[in-house]
């Protein structure tokens, strides 16, 4: 059993690497969505796959690099009871 796990893992990795590398095209008989309002030409498949800035926003705050004391929060009350 111990030999089967690495072999299965190697086969799964090899299978995962076999992706298509061709340009995307609509299926036969189908067309790309119409052009958005205000644009003359419809978007390409690559443009349609690019996420909106709202879908993948850029982080605008710097993460804390070390532990710091929290400021007193007047709304952080203990539970009633």
PDB file of N, CA and C in Angstrom:
ATOM      1  N   UNK A   1       0.811  -1.193   0.000  1.00  0.00           N
ATOM      2  CA  UNK A   1       0.000   0.000   0.000  1.00  0.00           C
ATOM      3  C   UNK A   1       0.859   1.264   0.000  1.00  0.00           C
ATOM      4  N   UNK A   2       2.017   1.223   0.634  1.00  0.00           N
ATOM      5  CA  UNK A   2       2.828   2.430   0.740  1.00  0.00           C
ATOM      6  C   UNK A   2       3.406   2.845  -0.621  1.00  0.00           C
ATOM      7  N   UNK A   3       3.569   1.894  -1.547  1.00  0.00           N
ATOM      8  CA  UNK A   3       4.078   2.230  -2.873  1.00  0.00           C
ATOM      9  C   UNK A   3       2.972   2.791  -3.755  1.00  0.00           C
ATOM     10  N   UNK A   4       1.738   2.438  -3.516  1.00  0.00           N
ATOM     11  CA  UNK A   4       0.633   2.861  -4.374  1.00  0.00           C
ATOM     12  C   UNK A   4       0.328   4.353  -4.205  1.00  0.00           C
ATOM     13  N   UNK A   5       0.496   4.882  -3.029  1.00  0.00           N
ATOM     14  CA  UNK A   5       0.168   6.290  -2.790  1.00  0.00           C
ATOM     15  C   UNK A   5       1.054   7.235  -3.607  1.00  0.00           C
ATOM     16  N   UNK A   6       2.376   7.089  -3.608  1.00  0.00           N
ATOM     17  CA  UNK A   6       3.189   7.996  -4.430  1.00  0.00           C
ATOM     18  C   UNK A   6       2.931   7.847  -5.930  1.00  0.00           C
ATOM     19  N   UNK A   7       2.667   6.605  -6.362  1.00  0.00           N
ATOM     20  CA  UNK A   7       2.385   6.383  -7.782  1.00  0.00           C
ATOM     21  C   UNK A   7       1.072   7.059  -8.165  1.00  0.00           C
ATOM     22  N   UNK A   8       0.058   6.913  -7.331  1.00  0.00           N
ATOM     23  CA  UNK A   8      -1.238   7.552  -7.604  1.00  0.00           C
ATOM     24  C   UNK A   8      -1.097   9.064  -7.599  1.00  0.00           C
ATOM     25  N   UNK A   9      -0.318   9.591  -6.681  1.00  0.00           N
ATOM     26  CA  UNK A   9      -0.099  11.039  -6.625  1.00  0.00           C
ATOM     27  C   UNK A   9       0.613  11.524  -7.879  1.00  0.00           C
ATOM     28  N   UNK A  10       1.615  10.788  -8.341  1.00  0.00           N
ATOM     29  CA  UNK A  10       2.333  11.173  -9.555  1.00  0.00           C
ATOM     30  C   UNK A  10       1.411  11.137 -10.769  1.00  0.00           C
ATOM     31  N   UNK A  11       0.549  10.133 -10.856  1.00  0.00           N
ATOM     32  CA  UNK A  11      -0.409  10.056 -11.963  1.00  0.00           C
ATOM     33  C   UNK A  11      -1.397  11.212 -11.924  1.00  0.00           C
ATOM     34  N   UNK A  12      -1.875  11.569 -10.743  1.00  0.00           N
ATOM     35  CA  UNK A  12      -2.802  12.693 -10.628  1.00  0.00           C
ATOM     36  C   UNK A  12      -2.139  14.008 -11.016  1.00  0.00           C
ATOM     37  N   UNK A  13      -0.897  14.211 -10.619  1.00  0.00           N
ATOM     38  CA  UNK A  13      -0.175  15.427 -10.988  1.00  0.00           C
ATOM     39  C   UNK A  13       0.063  15.486 -12.494  1.00  0.00           C
ATOM     40  N   UNK A  14       0.394  14.362 -13.095  1.00  0.00           N
ATOM     41  CA  UNK A  14       0.612  14.331 -14.540  1.00  0.00           C
ATOM     42  C   UNK A  14      -0.688  14.617 -15.281  1.00  0.00           C
ATOM     43  N   UNK A  15      -1.786  14.086 -14.793  1.00  0.00           N
ATOM     44  CA  UNK A  15      -3.085  14.324 -15.410  1.00  0.00           C
ATOM     45  C   UNK A  15      -3.498  15.783 -15.264  1.00  0.00           C
ATOM     46  N   UNK A  16      -3.202  16.395 -14.136  1.00  0.00           N
ATOM     47  CA  UNK A  16      -3.560  17.791 -13.910  1.00  0.00           C
ATOM     48  C   UNK A  16      -2.754  18.717 -14.824  1.00  0.00           C
ATOM     49  N   UNK A  17      -1.586  18.309 -15.247  1.00  0.00           N
ATOM     50  CA  UNK A  17      -0.747  19.144 -16.097  1.00  0.00           C
ATOM     51  C   UNK A  17      -1.147  19.072 -17.567  1.00  0.00           C
ATOM     52  N   UNK A  18      -2.128  18.237 -17.906  1.00  0.00           N
ATOM     53  CA  UNK A  18      -2.525  18.049 -19.305  1.00  0.00           C
ATOM     54  C   UNK A  18      -3.653  18.988 -19.695  1.00  0.00           C
ATOM     55  N   UNK A  19      -3.548  20.245 -19.406  1.00  0.00           N
ATOM     56  CA  UNK A  19      -4.600  21.195 -19.757  1.00  0.00           C
ATOM     57  C   UNK A  19      -4.485  21.662 -21.193  1.00  0.00           C
ATOM     58  N   UNK A  20      -5.584  22.202 -21.715  1.00  0.00           N
ATOM     59  CA  UNK A  20      -5.561  22.741 -23.073  1.00  0.00           C
ATOM     60  C   UNK A  20      -4.815  24.060 -23.086  1.00  0.00           C
ATOM     61  N   UNK A  21      -4.088  24.295 -24.130  1.00  0.00           N
ATOM     62  CA  UNK A  21      -3.308  25.526 -24.261  1.00  0.00           C
ATOM     63  C   UNK A  21      -3.764  26.347 -25.473  1.00  0.00           C
ATOM     64  N   UNK A  22      -4.908  25.992 -26.078  1.00  0.00           N
ATOM     65  CA  UNK A  22      -5.385  26.721 -27.254  1.00  0.00           C
ATOM     66  C   UNK A  22      -6.234  27.912 -26.834  1.00  0.00           C
ATOM     67  N   UNK A  23      -6.449  28.838 -27.782  1.00  0.00           N
ATOM     68  CA  UNK A  23      -7.310  29.985 -27.527  1.00  0.00           C
ATOM     69  C   UNK A  23      -8.745  29.529 -27.308  1.00  0.00           C
ATOM     70  N   UNK A  24      -9.451  30.258 -26.466  1.00  0.00           N
ATOM     71  CA  UNK A  24     -10.849  29.932 -26.195  1.00  0.00           C
ATOM     72  C   UNK A  24     -11.730  30.428 -27.326  1.00  0.00           C
ATOM     73  N   UNK A  25     -12.717  29.633 -27.694  1.00  0.00           N
ATOM     74  CA  UNK A  25     -13.678  29.999 -28.727  1.00  0.00           C
ATOM     75  C   UNK A  25     -15.056  29.587 -28.235  1.00  0.00           C
ATOM     76  N   UNK A  26     -16.111  30.288 -28.687  1.00  0.00           N
ATOM     77  CA  UNK A  26     -17.452  29.850 -28.312  1.00  0.00           C
ATOM     78  C   UNK A  26     -17.764  28.493 -28.947  1.00  0.00           C
ATOM     79  N   UNK A  27     -18.655  27.749 -28.330  1.00  0.00           N
ATOM     80  CA  UNK A  27     -19.061  26.450 -28.864  1.00  0.00           C
ATOM     81  C   UNK A  27     -19.727  26.638 -30.226  1.00  0.00           C
ATOM     82  N   UNK A  28     -19.752  25.567 -31.004  1.00  0.00           N
ATOM     83  CA  UNK A  28     -20.358  25.654 -32.336  1.00  0.00           C
ATOM     84  C   UNK A  28     -21.826  26.041 -32.217  1.00  0.00           C
ATOM     85  N   UNK A  29     -22.237  27.005 -33.040  1.00  0.00           N
ATOM     86  CA  UNK A  29     -23.615  27.467 -33.014  1.00  0.00           C
ATOM     87  C   UNK A  29     -23.879  28.533 -31.966  1.00  0.00           C
ATOM     88  N   UNK A  30     -22.888  28.838 -31.130  1.00  0.00           N
ATOM     89  CA  UNK A  30     -23.029  29.852 -30.085  1.00  0.00           C
ATOM     90  C   UNK A  30     -22.207  31.078 -30.465  1.00  0.00           C
ATOM     91  N   UNK A  31     -22.501  32.200 -29.831  1.00  0.00           N
ATOM     92  CA  UNK A  31     -21.752  33.428 -30.068  1.00  0.00           C
ATOM     93  C   UNK A  31     -21.356  34.041 -28.729  1.00  0.00           C
ATOM     94  N   UNK A  32     -20.373  34.930 -28.780  1.00  0.00           N
ATOM     95  CA  UNK A  32     -19.992  35.654 -27.568  1.00  0.00           C
ATOM     96  C   UNK A  32     -21.133  36.581 -27.166  1.00  0.00           C
ATOM     97  N   UNK A  33     -21.196  36.982 -25.908  1.00  0.00           N
ATOM     98  CA  UNK A  33     -22.258  37.900 -25.485  1.00  0.00           C
ATOM     99  C   UNK A  33     -22.185  39.210 -26.276  1.00  0.00           C
ATOM    100  N   UNK A  34     -23.308  39.926 -26.383  1.00  0.00           N
ATOM    101  CA  UNK A  34     -23.281  41.193 -27.118  1.00  0.00           C
ATOM    102  C   UNK A  34     -22.381  42.209 -26.422  1.00  0.00           C
ATOM    103  N   UNK A  35     -22.024  43.252 -27.162  1.00  0.00           N
ATOM    104  CA  UNK A  35     -21.147  44.299 -26.621  1.00  0.00           C
ATOM    105  C   UNK A  35     -21.856  45.016 -25.481  1.00  0.00           C
ATOM    106  N   UNK A  36     -21.127  45.370 -24.414  1.00  0.00           N
ATOM    107  CA  UNK A  36     -21.723  46.123 -23.318  1.00  0.00           C
ATOM    108  C   UNK A  36     -22.192  47.489 -23.797  1.00  0.00           C
ATOM    109  N   UNK A  37     -23.106  48.066 -23.069  1.00  0.00           N
ATOM    110  CA  UNK A  37     -23.642  49.381 -23.409  1.00  0.00           C
ATOM    111  C   UNK A  37     -22.502  50.392 -23.451  1.00  0.00           C
ATOM    112  N   UNK A  38     -22.417  51.133 -24.530  1.00  0.00           N
ATOM    113  CA  UNK A  38     -21.385  52.146 -24.674  1.00  0.00           C
ATOM    114  C   UNK A  38     -20.166  51.678 -25.442  1.00  0.00           C
ATOM    115  N   UNK A  39     -20.083  50.403 -25.789  1.00  0.00           N
ATOM    116  CA  UNK A  39     -18.960  49.892 -26.572  1.00  0.00           C
ATOM    117  C   UNK A  39     -19.468  49.441 -27.929  1.00  0.00           C
ATOM    118  N   UNK A  40     -18.649  49.627 -28.947  1.00  0.00           N
ATOM    119  CA  UNK A  40     -19.056  49.258 -30.306  1.00  0.00           C
ATOM    120  C   UNK A  40     -18.773  47.799 -30.623  1.00  0.00           C
ATOM    121  N   UNK A  41     -17.701  47.250 -30.065  1.00  0.00           N
ATOM    122  CA  UNK A  41     -17.300  45.888 -30.393  1.00  0.00           C
ATOM    123  C   UNK A  41     -17.492  44.976 -29.187  1.00  0.00           C
ATOM    124  N   UNK A  42     -17.893  43.724 -29.427  1.00  0.00           N
ATOM    125  CA  UNK A  42     -18.005  42.784 -28.293  1.00  0.00           C
ATOM    126  C   UNK A  42     -16.627  42.460 -27.730  1.00  0.00           C
ATOM    127  N   UNK A  43     -16.598  42.039 -26.495  1.00  0.00           N
ATOM    128  CA  UNK A  43     -15.336  41.706 -25.841  1.00  0.00           C
ATOM    129  C   UNK A  43     -14.849  40.344 -26.307  1.00  0.00           C
ATOM    130  N   UNK A  44     -13.535  40.160 -26.271  1.00  0.00           N
ATOM    131  CA  UNK A  44     -12.947  38.869 -26.618  1.00  0.00           C
ATOM    132  C   UNK A  44     -13.086  37.913 -25.430  1.00  0.00           C
ATOM    133  N   UNK A  45     -12.781  36.645 -25.664  1.00  0.00           N
ATOM    134  CA  UNK A  45     -12.870  35.652 -24.586  1.00  0.00           C
ATOM    135  C   UNK A  45     -11.909  35.998 -23.455  1.00  0.00           C
ATOM    136  N   UNK A  46     -10.719  36.483 -23.780  1.00  0.00           N
ATOM    137  CA  UNK A  46      -9.741  36.840 -22.746  1.00  0.00           C
ATOM    138  C   UNK A  46     -10.238  38.012 -21.905  1.00  0.00           C
ATOM    139  N   UNK A  47     -10.873  38.995 -22.552  1.00  0.00           N
ATOM    140  CA  UNK A  47     -11.408  40.141 -21.817  1.00  0.00           C
ATOM    141  C   UNK A  47     -12.554  39.718 -20.908  1.00  0.00           C
ATOM    142  N   UNK A  48     -13.368  38.769 -21.368  1.00  0.00           N
ATOM    143  CA  UNK A  48     -14.479  38.297 -20.542  1.00  0.00           C
ATOM    144  C   UNK A  48     -13.993  37.506 -19.330  1.00  0.00           C
ATOM    145  N   UNK A  49     -12.834  36.858 -19.440  1.00  0.00           N
ATOM    146  CA  UNK A  49     -12.303  36.066 -18.330  1.00  0.00           C
ATOM    147  C   UNK A  49     -11.547  36.917 -17.318  1.00  0.00           C
ATOM    148  N   UNK A  50     -11.191  38.148 -17.671  1.00  0.00           N
ATOM    149  CA  UNK A  50     -10.466  39.030 -16.757  1.00  0.00           C
ATOM    150  C   UNK A  50     -11.418  39.519 -15.664  1.00  0.00           C
ATOM    151  N   UNK A  51     -11.091  39.327 -14.373  1.00  0.00           N
ATOM    152  CA  UNK A  51     -12.019  39.727 -13.312  1.00  0.00           C
ATOM    153  C   UNK A  51     -12.121  41.248 -13.187  1.00  0.00           C
ATOM    154  N   UNK A  52     -13.297  41.702 -12.764  1.00  0.00           N
ATOM    155  CA  UNK A  52     -13.504  43.121 -12.497  1.00  0.00           C
ATOM    156  C   UNK A  52     -12.657  43.539 -11.305  1.00  0.00           C
ATOM    157  N   UNK A  53     -12.328  44.825 -11.189  1.00  0.00           N
ATOM    158  CA  UNK A  53     -11.591  45.275 -10.001  1.00  0.00           C
ATOM    159  C   UNK A  53     -12.359  45.004  -8.710  1.00  0.00           C
ATOM    160  N   UNK A  54     -13.694  45.007  -8.758  1.00  0.00           N
ATOM    161  CA  UNK A  54     -14.465  44.710  -7.553  1.00  0.00           C
ATOM    162  C   UNK A  54     -14.385  43.239  -7.185  1.00  0.00           C
ATOM    163  N   UNK A  55     -14.195  42.367  -8.169  1.00  0.00           N
ATOM    164  CA  UNK A  55     -14.112  40.936  -7.892  1.00  0.00           C
ATOM    165  C   UNK A  55     -12.775  40.563  -7.268  1.00  0.00           C
ATOM    166  N   UNK A  56     -11.725  41.291  -7.613  1.00  0.00           N
ATOM    167  CA  UNK A  56     -10.393  41.023  -7.063  1.00  0.00           C
ATOM    168  C   UNK A  56      -9.756  42.352  -6.680  1.00  0.00           C
ATOM    169  N   UNK A  57     -10.212  42.970  -5.599  1.00  0.00           N
ATOM    170  CA  UNK A  57      -9.691  44.287  -5.244  1.00  0.00           C
ATOM    171  C   UNK A  57      -8.243  44.218  -4.766  1.00  0.00           C
ATOM    172  N   UNK A  58      -7.571  45.316  -4.935  1.00  0.00           N
ATOM    173  CA  UNK A  58      -6.187  45.432  -4.470  1.00  0.00           C
ATOM    174  C   UNK A  58      -6.218  45.862  -3.009  1.00  0.00           C
ATOM    175  N   UNK A  59      -5.408  45.230  -2.183  1.00  0.00           N
ATOM    176  CA  UNK A  59      -5.370  45.578  -0.768  1.00  0.00           C
ATOM    177  C   UNK A  59      -4.752  46.959  -0.616  1.00  0.00           C
ATOM    178  N   UNK A  60      -5.452  47.831   0.102  1.00  0.00           N
ATOM    179  CA  UNK A  60      -4.972  49.195   0.241  1.00  0.00           C
ATOM    180  C   UNK A  60      -4.438  49.496   1.636  1.00  0.00           C
ATOM    181  N   UNK A  61      -4.501  48.532   2.530  1.00  0.00           N
ATOM    182  CA  UNK A  61      -3.992  48.756   3.876  1.00  0.00           C
ATOM    183  C   UNK A  61      -2.799  47.839   4.118  1.00  0.00           C
ATOM    184  N   UNK A  62      -1.851  48.321   4.856  1.00  0.00           N
ATOM    185  CA  UNK A  62      -0.679  47.522   5.164  1.00  0.00           C
ATOM    186  C   UNK A  62      -0.987  46.605   6.341  1.00  0.00           C
ATOM    187  N   UNK A  63      -0.620  45.356   6.212  1.00  0.00           N
ATOM    188  CA  UNK A  63      -0.842  44.407   7.297  1.00  0.00           C
ATOM    189  C   UNK A  63       0.106  44.711   8.443  1.00  0.00           C
ATOM    190  N   UNK A  64      -0.331  44.382   9.622  1.00  0.00           N
ATOM    191  CA  UNK A  64       0.545  44.598  10.789  1.00  0.00           C
ATOM    192  C   UNK A  64       1.659  43.561  10.772  1.00  0.00           C
ATOM    193  N   UNK A  65       2.860  44.024  11.043  1.00  0.00           N
ATOM    194  CA  UNK A  65       3.994  43.112  11.011  1.00  0.00           C
ATOM    195  C   UNK A  65       4.357  42.583  12.396  1.00  0.00           C
ATOM    196  N   UNK A  66       3.793  43.188  13.453  1.00  0.00           N
ATOM    197  CA  UNK A  66       4.085  42.698  14.804  1.00  0.00           C
ATOM    198  C   UNK A  66       2.876  42.971  15.692  1.00  0.00           C
ATOM    199  N   UNK A  67       2.868  42.374  16.836  1.00  0.00           N
ATOM    200  CA  UNK A  67       1.770  42.511  17.770  1.00  0.00           C
ATOM    201  C   UNK A  67       1.779  43.907  18.391  1.00  0.00           C
ATOM    202  N   UNK A  68       0.605  44.509  18.514  1.00  0.00           N
ATOM    203  CA  UNK A  68       0.488  45.831  19.124  1.00  0.00           C
ATOM    204  C   UNK A  68      -0.674  45.830  20.110  1.00  0.00           C
ATOM    205  N   UNK A  69      -0.601  46.690  21.092  1.00  0.00           N
ATOM    206  CA  UNK A  69      -1.692  46.824  22.051  1.00  0.00           C
ATOM    207  C   UNK A  69      -2.915  47.417  21.361  1.00  0.00           C
ATOM    208  N   UNK A  70      -4.071  46.866  21.683  1.00  0.00           N
ATOM    209  CA  UNK A  70      -5.302  47.406  21.121  1.00  0.00           C
ATOM    210  C   UNK A  70      -5.730  48.646  21.879  1.00  0.00           C
ATOM    211  N   UNK A  71      -6.359  49.563  21.145  1.00  0.00           N
ATOM    212  CA  UNK A  71      -6.922  50.740  21.787  1.00  0.00           C
ATOM    213  C   UNK A  71      -8.184  50.323  22.541  1.00  0.00           C
ATOM    214  N   UNK A  72      -8.547  51.076  23.546  1.00  0.00           N
ATOM    215  CA  UNK A  72      -9.741  50.780  24.326  1.00  0.00           C
ATOM    216  C   UNK A  72     -10.984  50.953  23.445  1.00  0.00           C
ATOM    217  N   UNK A  73     -11.851  49.940  23.431  1.00  0.00           N
ATOM    218  CA  UNK A  73     -13.074  49.982  22.640  1.00  0.00           C
ATOM    219  C   UNK A  73     -14.255  50.101  23.591  1.00  0.00           C
ATOM    220  N   UNK A  74     -14.974  51.237  23.605  1.00  0.00           N
ATOM    221  CA  UNK A  74     -16.088  51.394  24.536  1.00  0.00           C
ATOM    222  C   UNK A  74     -17.267  50.467  24.233  1.00  0.00           C
ATOM    223  N   UNK A  75     -17.324  49.893  23.052  1.00  0.00           N
ATOM    224  CA  UNK A  75     -18.432  48.986  22.684  1.00  0.00           C
ATOM    225  C   UNK A  75     -18.106  47.536  22.934  1.00  0.00           C
ATOM    226  N   UNK A  76     -16.891  47.229  23.364  1.00  0.00           N
ATOM    227  CA  UNK A  76     -16.489  45.862  23.646  1.00  0.00           C
ATOM    228  C   UNK A  76     -16.874  45.543  25.086  1.00  0.00           C
ATOM    229  N   UNK A  77     -18.132  45.197  25.298  1.00  0.00           N
ATOM    230  CA  UNK A  77     -18.669  44.953  26.641  1.00  0.00           C
ATOM    231  C   UNK A  77     -18.745  43.464  26.928  1.00  0.00           C
ATOM    232  N   UNK A  78     -18.627  43.070  28.183  1.00  0.00           N
ATOM    233  CA  UNK A  78     -18.771  41.634  28.492  1.00  0.00           C
ATOM    234  C   UNK A  78     -20.215  41.210  28.318  1.00  0.00           C
ATOM    235  N   UNK A  79     -20.461  39.924  28.119  1.00  0.00           N
ATOM    236  CA  UNK A  79     -21.830  39.454  27.959  1.00  0.00           C
ATOM    237  C   UNK A  79     -22.652  39.675  29.234  1.00  0.00           C
ATOM    238  N   UNK A  80     -23.952  39.915  29.051  1.00  0.00           N
ATOM    239  CA  UNK A  80     -24.829  40.111  30.222  1.00  0.00           C
ATOM    240  C   UNK A  80     -25.071  38.756  30.874  1.00  0.00           C
ATOM    241  N   UNK A  81     -25.224  38.781  32.178  1.00  0.00           N
ATOM    242  CA  UNK A  81     -25.570  37.521  32.793  1.00  0.00           C
ATOM    243  C   UNK A  81     -25.083  37.351  34.144  1.00  0.00           C
TER     244      UNK A  81
END
